[in-house]
Each structure stands twice: as C-alpha cells, then as structure tokens.
C-alpha cells in the first residue's frame, strides 16, 4: 500500500457538492492499494500514519504524532498514487489493485485506523473534490513495500 500524507490545519472532501468528510487539525492520507497488498501492508501503513511524528513539540521540533496532538485523519482512496510515470507521458496504473480488492483493503484500513483516532473519508470510486490547507507544508510519502 502507498500513501501521500499531508499535515493539515483543516480538510474536507465533497462528492456531488456534499461534504462526506471533514477534519480540523490532523492528516490527510491519499491511499492506494497494490495488487499484492494484504492485511500486513495495511497494518504497517496504519501504524506508520498514526504514529508518524510530523507535528511540532514545544521546541518546534517534529516530535509529536497525530495521536499526541489529538488530531484526526481524512483518508481518501486514490488509485492514482499507484501510478507509474517513469516511461512515456501517460501514467500506467497496472500497479493498482482491482477495485473489489482495493475497496476491501481500504475499508479495513479505515476500520483499523478508527481504533486509534477519528477518521473521515470520501466515497470509494466517486469523483471527489478534496480541499485542504497543508500546514507547513508537510508532505510525506509512505510505501509498505518500502520503495521510497
């Protein structure tokens, strides 16, 4: 599994003009599922996200996690983060799981993350408008296969 994580002061997702999820201080995670991903990948990713120390402490050092600051998570399923644009000009999405598998693992991701903090989300496979204020800006790339 792969995720683009952004530290935000607020964020919201809309489907058809209606807000389906919104948070104040916290993290936005754009999450992609690969064809070979399984429960261990989502457990690794959830653990990494909820414990990622990207919030400042009293000394302005990034030493606090979203849990430490009482923040929330806005998680968006996004197969395009699995895209590969190394060849040509059009990304290949063969690195993304089929929709049924991706939906199952993403829903498990949401459930597991919800055990630790407030989680909001969009609608799987819908066209979504994601609005966020990136705080910092801070953006981190995570990959359960540790490609980067």
N, C-alpha and C. Protein backbone atom coordinates (compact mmCIF):
# COMPACT_ATOMS: atom_id res chain seq x y z
N UNK A 1 0.85 -1.18 0.00
CA UNK A 1 0.00 0.00 0.00
C UNK A 1 0.89 1.23 0.00
N UNK A 2 0.35 2.27 -0.54
CA UNK A 2 1.10 3.51 -0.67
C UNK A 2 0.21 4.65 -0.23
N UNK A 3 0.82 5.67 0.37
CA UNK A 3 0.04 6.84 0.79
C UNK A 3 0.86 8.11 0.67
N UNK A 4 0.17 9.16 0.30
CA UNK A 4 0.70 10.52 0.37
C UNK A 4 0.04 11.13 1.60
N UNK A 5 0.87 11.55 2.55
CA UNK A 5 0.38 12.08 3.82
C UNK A 5 0.66 13.58 3.85
N UNK A 6 -0.36 14.35 4.20
CA UNK A 6 -0.17 15.79 4.34
C UNK A 6 -0.69 16.24 5.70
N UNK A 7 0.14 17.02 6.38
CA UNK A 7 -0.29 17.60 7.65
C UNK A 7 -1.15 18.81 7.33
N UNK A 8 -2.34 18.86 7.94
CA UNK A 8 -3.29 19.92 7.59
C UNK A 8 -3.83 20.63 8.82
N UNK A 9 -4.23 21.88 8.60
CA UNK A 9 -4.94 22.61 9.66
C UNK A 9 -6.45 22.39 9.50
N UNK A 10 -6.87 22.01 8.27
CA UNK A 10 -8.26 21.61 8.02
C UNK A 10 -8.33 20.98 6.65
N UNK A 11 -9.34 20.14 6.46
CA UNK A 11 -9.53 19.48 5.17
C UNK A 11 -10.96 18.97 5.07
N UNK A 12 -11.43 18.86 3.84
CA UNK A 12 -12.77 18.33 3.58
C UNK A 12 -12.80 17.64 2.23
N UNK A 13 -13.72 16.72 2.09
CA UNK A 13 -13.94 16.04 0.81
C UNK A 13 -15.42 16.15 0.49
N UNK A 14 -15.69 16.46 -0.78
CA UNK A 14 -17.06 16.59 -1.26
C UNK A 14 -17.30 15.63 -2.41
N UNK A 15 -18.50 15.08 -2.43
CA UNK A 15 -18.97 14.25 -3.53
C UNK A 15 -20.30 14.84 -3.98
N UNK A 16 -20.36 15.24 -5.24
CA UNK A 16 -21.59 15.85 -5.75
C UNK A 16 -21.95 17.12 -5.01
N UNK A 17 -20.95 17.86 -4.55
CA UNK A 17 -21.18 19.11 -3.84
C UNK A 17 -21.50 18.95 -2.36
N UNK A 18 -21.64 17.71 -1.89
CA UNK A 18 -21.98 17.46 -0.49
C UNK A 18 -20.75 16.97 0.28
N UNK A 19 -20.50 17.54 1.45
CA UNK A 19 -19.36 17.13 2.27
C UNK A 19 -19.62 15.72 2.82
N UNK A 20 -18.68 14.81 2.53
CA UNK A 20 -18.78 13.45 3.06
C UNK A 20 -17.81 13.22 4.22
N UNK A 21 -16.84 14.11 4.36
CA UNK A 21 -15.88 14.01 5.45
C UNK A 21 -15.14 15.31 5.61
N UNK A 22 -14.87 15.68 6.86
CA UNK A 22 -14.08 16.89 7.11
C UNK A 22 -13.39 16.75 8.45
N UNK A 23 -12.21 17.39 8.55
CA UNK A 23 -11.44 17.39 9.79
C UNK A 23 -10.86 18.78 10.01
N UNK A 24 -10.48 19.01 11.24
CA UNK A 24 -9.66 20.18 11.56
C UNK A 24 -8.21 19.68 11.58
N UNK A 25 -7.44 20.04 12.58
CA UNK A 25 -6.03 19.66 12.66
C UNK A 25 -5.86 18.15 12.53
N UNK A 26 -4.93 17.76 11.66
CA UNK A 26 -4.69 16.34 11.51
C UNK A 26 -3.91 16.02 10.25
N UNK A 27 -4.23 14.86 9.68
CA UNK A 27 -3.55 14.37 8.50
C UNK A 27 -4.55 14.01 7.42
N UNK A 28 -4.17 14.27 6.17
CA UNK A 28 -4.89 13.76 5.02
C UNK A 28 -4.02 12.65 4.44
N UNK A 29 -4.65 11.50 4.17
CA UNK A 29 -3.94 10.38 3.58
C UNK A 29 -4.62 10.01 2.26
N UNK A 30 -3.89 10.14 1.17
CA UNK A 30 -4.34 9.67 -0.14
C UNK A 30 -3.77 8.26 -0.28
N UNK A 31 -4.63 7.26 -0.25
CA UNK A 31 -4.20 5.87 -0.10
C UNK A 31 -4.45 5.06 -1.36
N UNK A 32 -3.40 4.35 -1.82
CA UNK A 32 -3.52 3.46 -2.95
C UNK A 32 -3.21 2.03 -2.54
N UNK A 33 -3.92 1.10 -3.14
CA UNK A 33 -3.74 -0.33 -2.85
C UNK A 33 -3.15 -1.02 -4.06
N UNK A 34 -2.12 -1.83 -3.84
CA UNK A 34 -1.50 -2.59 -4.91
C UNK A 34 -2.07 -3.99 -5.02
N UNK A 35 -1.85 -4.66 -6.15
CA UNK A 35 -2.44 -5.99 -6.37
C UNK A 35 -1.95 -7.06 -5.40
N UNK A 36 -0.76 -6.91 -4.85
CA UNK A 36 -0.21 -7.90 -3.93
C UNK A 36 -0.35 -7.51 -2.47
N UNK A 37 -1.01 -6.39 -2.19
CA UNK A 37 -1.15 -5.93 -0.81
C UNK A 37 -2.09 -6.84 -0.03
N UNK A 38 -1.81 -6.94 1.27
CA UNK A 38 -2.65 -7.76 2.15
C UNK A 38 -2.76 -7.08 3.52
N UNK A 39 -3.28 -7.81 4.48
CA UNK A 39 -3.53 -7.26 5.82
C UNK A 39 -2.25 -6.70 6.44
N UNK A 40 -1.11 -7.34 6.22
CA UNK A 40 0.14 -6.85 6.82
C UNK A 40 0.52 -5.49 6.26
N UNK A 41 0.23 -5.24 4.99
CA UNK A 41 0.53 -3.94 4.39
C UNK A 41 -0.33 -2.85 5.02
N UNK A 42 -1.63 -3.12 5.20
CA UNK A 42 -2.48 -2.08 5.76
C UNK A 42 -2.18 -1.87 7.23
N UNK A 43 -1.82 -2.92 7.96
CA UNK A 43 -1.44 -2.75 9.37
C UNK A 43 -0.19 -1.90 9.48
N UNK A 44 0.80 -2.15 8.60
CA UNK A 44 2.03 -1.35 8.60
C UNK A 44 1.70 0.11 8.32
N UNK A 45 0.86 0.35 7.31
CA UNK A 45 0.54 1.71 6.91
C UNK A 45 -0.23 2.46 7.99
N UNK A 46 -1.22 1.82 8.59
CA UNK A 46 -1.97 2.48 9.67
C UNK A 46 -1.05 2.81 10.83
N UNK A 47 -0.22 1.86 11.24
CA UNK A 47 0.70 2.11 12.35
C UNK A 47 1.63 3.28 12.03
N UNK A 48 2.14 3.31 10.82
CA UNK A 48 3.06 4.38 10.42
C UNK A 48 2.35 5.73 10.44
N UNK A 49 1.13 5.79 9.91
CA UNK A 49 0.41 7.06 9.84
C UNK A 49 0.05 7.58 11.23
N UNK A 50 -0.54 6.74 12.06
CA UNK A 50 -1.00 7.25 13.36
C UNK A 50 0.16 7.59 14.30
N UNK A 51 1.33 7.03 14.04
CA UNK A 51 2.48 7.30 14.91
C UNK A 51 3.54 8.19 14.27
N UNK A 52 3.30 8.64 13.04
CA UNK A 52 4.25 9.49 12.33
C UNK A 52 4.42 10.82 13.06
N UNK A 53 5.64 11.14 13.44
CA UNK A 53 5.90 12.35 14.23
C UNK A 53 6.18 13.53 13.31
N UNK A 54 5.09 14.21 12.91
CA UNK A 54 5.19 15.34 11.99
C UNK A 54 4.58 16.62 12.55
N UNK A 55 4.23 16.60 13.83
CA UNK A 55 3.69 17.79 14.49
C UNK A 55 4.73 18.31 15.48
N UNK A 56 4.83 19.65 15.59
CA UNK A 56 5.84 20.26 16.43
C UNK A 56 5.53 20.13 17.92
N UNK A 57 6.61 19.96 18.68
CA UNK A 57 6.51 19.99 20.14
C UNK A 57 6.76 21.42 20.62
N UNK A 58 6.93 21.60 21.90
CA UNK A 58 7.15 22.93 22.49
C UNK A 58 8.44 23.58 21.99
N UNK A 59 9.36 22.78 21.47
CA UNK A 59 10.64 23.29 20.96
C UNK A 59 10.66 23.42 19.44
N UNK A 60 9.48 23.39 18.82
CA UNK A 60 9.35 23.49 17.37
C UNK A 60 10.05 22.37 16.61
N UNK A 61 10.16 21.20 17.22
CA UNK A 61 10.73 20.02 16.57
C UNK A 61 9.58 19.07 16.23
N UNK A 62 9.65 18.43 15.08
CA UNK A 62 8.62 17.47 14.71
C UNK A 62 8.81 16.19 15.54
N UNK A 63 8.19 16.18 16.71
CA UNK A 63 8.31 15.06 17.64
C UNK A 63 6.96 14.48 18.04
N UNK A 64 5.86 15.03 17.57
CA UNK A 64 4.54 14.59 18.01
C UNK A 64 3.76 13.96 16.86
N UNK A 65 2.97 12.96 17.20
CA UNK A 65 2.13 12.29 16.21
C UNK A 65 0.74 12.90 16.20
N UNK A 66 -0.07 12.49 15.24
CA UNK A 66 -1.46 12.94 15.19
C UNK A 66 -2.20 12.50 16.46
N UNK A 67 -1.82 11.37 17.02
CA UNK A 67 -2.42 10.93 18.29
C UNK A 67 -2.05 11.88 19.42
N UNK A 68 -0.77 12.28 19.46
CA UNK A 68 -0.28 13.16 20.53
C UNK A 68 -0.98 14.51 20.53
N UNK A 69 -1.35 15.01 19.35
CA UNK A 69 -1.96 16.34 19.27
C UNK A 69 -3.48 16.29 19.22
N UNK A 70 -4.05 15.09 19.34
CA UNK A 70 -5.50 14.95 19.31
C UNK A 70 -6.10 15.26 17.95
N UNK A 71 -5.35 15.00 16.90
CA UNK A 71 -5.81 15.28 15.55
C UNK A 71 -6.65 14.17 14.96
N UNK A 72 -7.09 14.38 13.74
CA UNK A 72 -7.94 13.43 13.02
C UNK A 72 -7.28 13.04 11.71
N UNK A 73 -7.90 12.07 11.03
CA UNK A 73 -7.41 11.59 9.76
C UNK A 73 -8.53 11.67 8.73
N UNK A 74 -8.24 12.30 7.60
CA UNK A 74 -9.12 12.27 6.44
C UNK A 74 -8.45 11.35 5.43
N UNK A 75 -9.02 10.16 5.23
CA UNK A 75 -8.43 9.16 4.35
C UNK A 75 -9.23 9.07 3.06
N UNK A 76 -8.55 9.17 1.94
CA UNK A 76 -9.17 9.16 0.63
C UNK A 76 -8.55 8.02 -0.18
N UNK A 77 -9.39 7.12 -0.69
CA UNK A 77 -8.90 6.08 -1.58
C UNK A 77 -8.55 6.72 -2.91
N UNK A 78 -7.31 6.47 -3.37
CA UNK A 78 -6.87 7.11 -4.61
C UNK A 78 -5.91 6.19 -5.35
N UNK A 79 -6.45 5.47 -6.34
CA UNK A 79 -5.62 4.52 -7.09
C UNK A 79 -4.49 5.20 -7.83
N UNK A 80 -4.61 6.49 -8.12
CA UNK A 80 -3.57 7.16 -8.91
C UNK A 80 -2.24 7.28 -8.19
N UNK A 81 -2.22 7.13 -6.85
CA UNK A 81 -0.91 7.16 -6.17
C UNK A 81 -0.10 5.91 -6.48
N UNK A 82 -0.75 4.91 -7.10
CA UNK A 82 -0.03 3.71 -7.51
C UNK A 82 0.48 3.84 -8.95
N UNK A 83 0.23 4.98 -9.57
CA UNK A 83 0.64 5.20 -10.95
C UNK A 83 2.14 5.22 -11.13
N UNK A 84 2.57 4.82 -12.31
CA UNK A 84 3.99 4.81 -12.67
C UNK A 84 4.16 5.65 -13.93
N UNK A 85 4.84 6.77 -13.79
CA UNK A 85 5.04 7.69 -14.92
C UNK A 85 6.50 7.72 -15.37
N UNK A 86 7.25 6.67 -15.08
CA UNK A 86 8.66 6.67 -15.46
C UNK A 86 8.86 6.56 -16.96
N UNK A 87 7.95 5.88 -17.66
CA UNK A 87 8.05 5.74 -19.12
C UNK A 87 6.96 6.55 -19.77
N UNK A 88 7.31 7.25 -20.81
CA UNK A 88 6.31 7.99 -21.57
C UNK A 88 5.71 9.15 -20.81
N UNK A 89 4.57 9.60 -21.27
CA UNK A 89 3.91 10.77 -20.67
C UNK A 89 2.57 10.42 -20.01
N UNK A 90 2.09 9.21 -20.26
CA UNK A 90 0.83 8.79 -19.67
C UNK A 90 1.14 7.78 -18.58
N UNK A 91 0.68 8.03 -17.36
CA UNK A 91 0.96 7.09 -16.26
C UNK A 91 0.31 5.72 -16.52
N UNK A 92 0.98 4.69 -16.06
CA UNK A 92 0.44 3.34 -16.07
C UNK A 92 -0.12 3.05 -14.68
N UNK A 93 -1.27 2.45 -14.64
CA UNK A 93 -1.89 2.13 -13.36
C UNK A 93 -1.97 0.63 -13.12
N UNK A 94 -1.09 -0.14 -13.77
CA UNK A 94 -1.07 -1.58 -13.57
C UNK A 94 -0.62 -1.94 -12.16
N UNK A 95 -0.03 -0.99 -11.45
CA UNK A 95 0.39 -1.22 -10.07
C UNK A 95 -0.73 -1.05 -9.06
N UNK A 96 -1.94 -0.76 -9.53
CA UNK A 96 -3.09 -0.59 -8.64
C UNK A 96 -3.91 -1.88 -8.62
N UNK A 97 -4.45 -2.19 -7.45
CA UNK A 97 -5.30 -3.38 -7.31
C UNK A 97 -6.63 -3.19 -8.05
N UNK A 98 -7.26 -4.29 -8.38
CA UNK A 98 -8.61 -4.26 -8.94
C UNK A 98 -9.55 -3.61 -7.91
N UNK A 99 -10.59 -2.92 -8.36
CA UNK A 99 -11.47 -2.19 -7.46
C UNK A 99 -12.04 -3.00 -6.28
N UNK A 100 -12.46 -4.24 -6.50
CA UNK A 100 -13.05 -5.02 -5.40
C UNK A 100 -12.04 -5.25 -4.28
N UNK A 101 -10.81 -5.62 -4.66
CA UNK A 101 -9.77 -5.84 -3.65
C UNK A 101 -9.39 -4.53 -2.97
N UNK A 102 -9.24 -3.47 -3.77
CA UNK A 102 -8.86 -2.18 -3.22
C UNK A 102 -9.91 -1.68 -2.22
N UNK A 103 -11.17 -1.85 -2.55
CA UNK A 103 -12.24 -1.41 -1.65
C UNK A 103 -12.21 -2.18 -0.34
N UNK A 104 -12.02 -3.48 -0.43
CA UNK A 104 -11.96 -4.31 0.77
C UNK A 104 -10.82 -3.89 1.69
N UNK A 105 -9.61 -3.75 1.12
CA UNK A 105 -8.46 -3.37 1.94
C UNK A 105 -8.57 -1.94 2.45
N UNK A 106 -9.10 -1.05 1.63
CA UNK A 106 -9.26 0.33 2.08
C UNK A 106 -10.25 0.40 3.23
N UNK A 107 -11.35 -0.35 3.15
CA UNK A 107 -12.31 -0.36 4.25
C UNK A 107 -11.71 -0.94 5.52
N UNK A 108 -10.86 -1.96 5.38
CA UNK A 108 -10.14 -2.49 6.55
C UNK A 108 -9.18 -1.45 7.10
N UNK A 109 -8.54 -0.71 6.23
CA UNK A 109 -7.64 0.39 6.63
C UNK A 109 -8.42 1.39 7.49
N UNK A 110 -9.61 1.80 7.01
CA UNK A 110 -10.43 2.76 7.74
C UNK A 110 -10.82 2.22 9.11
N UNK A 111 -11.23 0.97 9.15
CA UNK A 111 -11.65 0.35 10.41
C UNK A 111 -10.50 0.30 11.41
N UNK A 112 -9.34 -0.12 10.95
CA UNK A 112 -8.18 -0.22 11.84
C UNK A 112 -7.75 1.16 12.33
N UNK A 113 -7.70 2.14 11.44
CA UNK A 113 -7.31 3.50 11.84
C UNK A 113 -8.33 4.08 12.82
N UNK A 114 -9.60 3.73 12.67
CA UNK A 114 -10.66 4.24 13.55
C UNK A 114 -10.51 3.74 14.98
N UNK A 115 -9.74 2.68 15.18
CA UNK A 115 -9.48 2.20 16.54
C UNK A 115 -8.59 3.15 17.31
N UNK A 116 -7.86 4.02 16.60
CA UNK A 116 -6.90 4.92 17.24
C UNK A 116 -7.33 6.37 17.24
N UNK A 117 -8.04 6.81 16.21
CA UNK A 117 -8.40 8.22 16.10
C UNK A 117 -9.64 8.41 15.26
N UNK A 118 -10.14 9.65 15.24
CA UNK A 118 -11.31 9.97 14.41
C UNK A 118 -10.88 9.91 12.95
N UNK A 119 -11.66 9.19 12.15
CA UNK A 119 -11.36 9.03 10.73
C UNK A 119 -12.58 9.46 9.92
N UNK A 120 -12.33 10.30 8.93
CA UNK A 120 -13.34 10.72 7.97
C UNK A 120 -12.88 10.25 6.60
N UNK A 121 -13.82 10.15 5.65
CA UNK A 121 -13.45 9.66 4.32
C UNK A 121 -14.40 10.17 3.26
N UNK A 122 -14.07 9.85 2.03
CA UNK A 122 -14.91 10.20 0.89
C UNK A 122 -15.78 9.02 0.51
N UNK A 123 -16.00 8.83 -0.79
CA UNK A 123 -16.80 7.73 -1.31
C UNK A 123 -15.94 6.97 -2.31
N UNK A 124 -15.76 5.69 -2.08
CA UNK A 124 -14.91 4.87 -2.93
C UNK A 124 -15.38 4.94 -4.38
N UNK A 125 -14.46 5.15 -5.30
CA UNK A 125 -14.64 5.23 -6.75
C UNK A 125 -15.49 6.41 -7.21
N UNK A 126 -15.80 7.34 -6.34
CA UNK A 126 -16.56 8.52 -6.75
C UNK A 126 -15.59 9.61 -7.18
N UNK A 127 -16.10 10.54 -7.99
CA UNK A 127 -15.33 11.74 -8.29
C UNK A 127 -15.43 12.63 -7.05
N UNK A 128 -14.29 12.97 -6.46
CA UNK A 128 -14.27 13.73 -5.21
C UNK A 128 -13.52 15.03 -5.39
N UNK A 129 -13.97 16.05 -4.69
CA UNK A 129 -13.24 17.31 -4.56
C UNK A 129 -12.65 17.33 -3.17
N UNK A 130 -11.31 17.30 -3.09
CA UNK A 130 -10.63 17.31 -1.80
C UNK A 130 -10.02 18.68 -1.62
N UNK A 131 -10.37 19.30 -0.52
CA UNK A 131 -9.89 20.64 -0.20
C UNK A 131 -9.11 20.55 1.10
N UNK A 132 -7.91 21.12 1.11
CA UNK A 132 -7.12 21.06 2.33
C UNK A 132 -6.21 22.28 2.46
N UNK A 133 -5.85 22.56 3.68
CA UNK A 133 -4.84 23.57 3.97
C UNK A 133 -3.65 22.82 4.54
N UNK A 134 -2.62 22.67 3.70
CA UNK A 134 -1.41 21.96 4.10
C UNK A 134 -0.65 22.83 5.08
N UNK A 135 -0.45 22.32 6.28
CA UNK A 135 0.19 23.07 7.36
C UNK A 135 1.68 22.83 7.31
N UNK A 136 2.43 23.83 6.92
CA UNK A 136 3.89 23.71 6.90
C UNK A 136 4.54 24.31 5.67
N UNK A 137 4.40 23.75 4.52
CA UNK A 137 3.72 22.50 4.19
C UNK A 137 4.54 21.29 4.61
N UNK A 138 3.83 20.24 5.00
CA UNK A 138 4.46 18.96 5.33
C UNK A 138 3.77 17.89 4.51
N UNK A 139 4.55 17.20 3.69
CA UNK A 139 4.05 16.11 2.86
C UNK A 139 5.05 14.96 2.94
N UNK A 140 4.55 13.76 3.25
CA UNK A 140 5.39 12.58 3.41
C UNK A 140 4.85 11.47 2.52
N UNK A 141 5.74 10.74 1.87
CA UNK A 141 5.36 9.59 1.05
C UNK A 141 5.67 8.30 1.83
N UNK A 142 4.68 7.40 1.85
CA UNK A 142 4.86 6.11 2.54
C UNK A 142 4.53 4.98 1.58
N UNK A 143 5.26 3.88 1.69
CA UNK A 143 5.01 2.72 0.85
C UNK A 143 5.33 1.48 1.67
N UNK A 144 4.35 0.58 1.81
CA UNK A 144 4.55 -0.61 2.64
C UNK A 144 5.61 -1.55 2.08
N UNK A 145 5.90 -1.44 0.77
CA UNK A 145 6.97 -2.26 0.20
C UNK A 145 8.31 -1.53 0.30
N UNK A 146 8.28 -0.35 0.89
CA UNK A 146 9.46 0.45 1.16
C UNK A 146 10.24 0.78 -0.12
N UNK A 147 9.50 1.12 -1.18
CA UNK A 147 10.15 1.53 -2.43
C UNK A 147 10.82 2.88 -2.30
N UNK A 148 10.35 3.69 -1.36
CA UNK A 148 10.98 5.00 -1.11
C UNK A 148 10.83 5.35 0.33
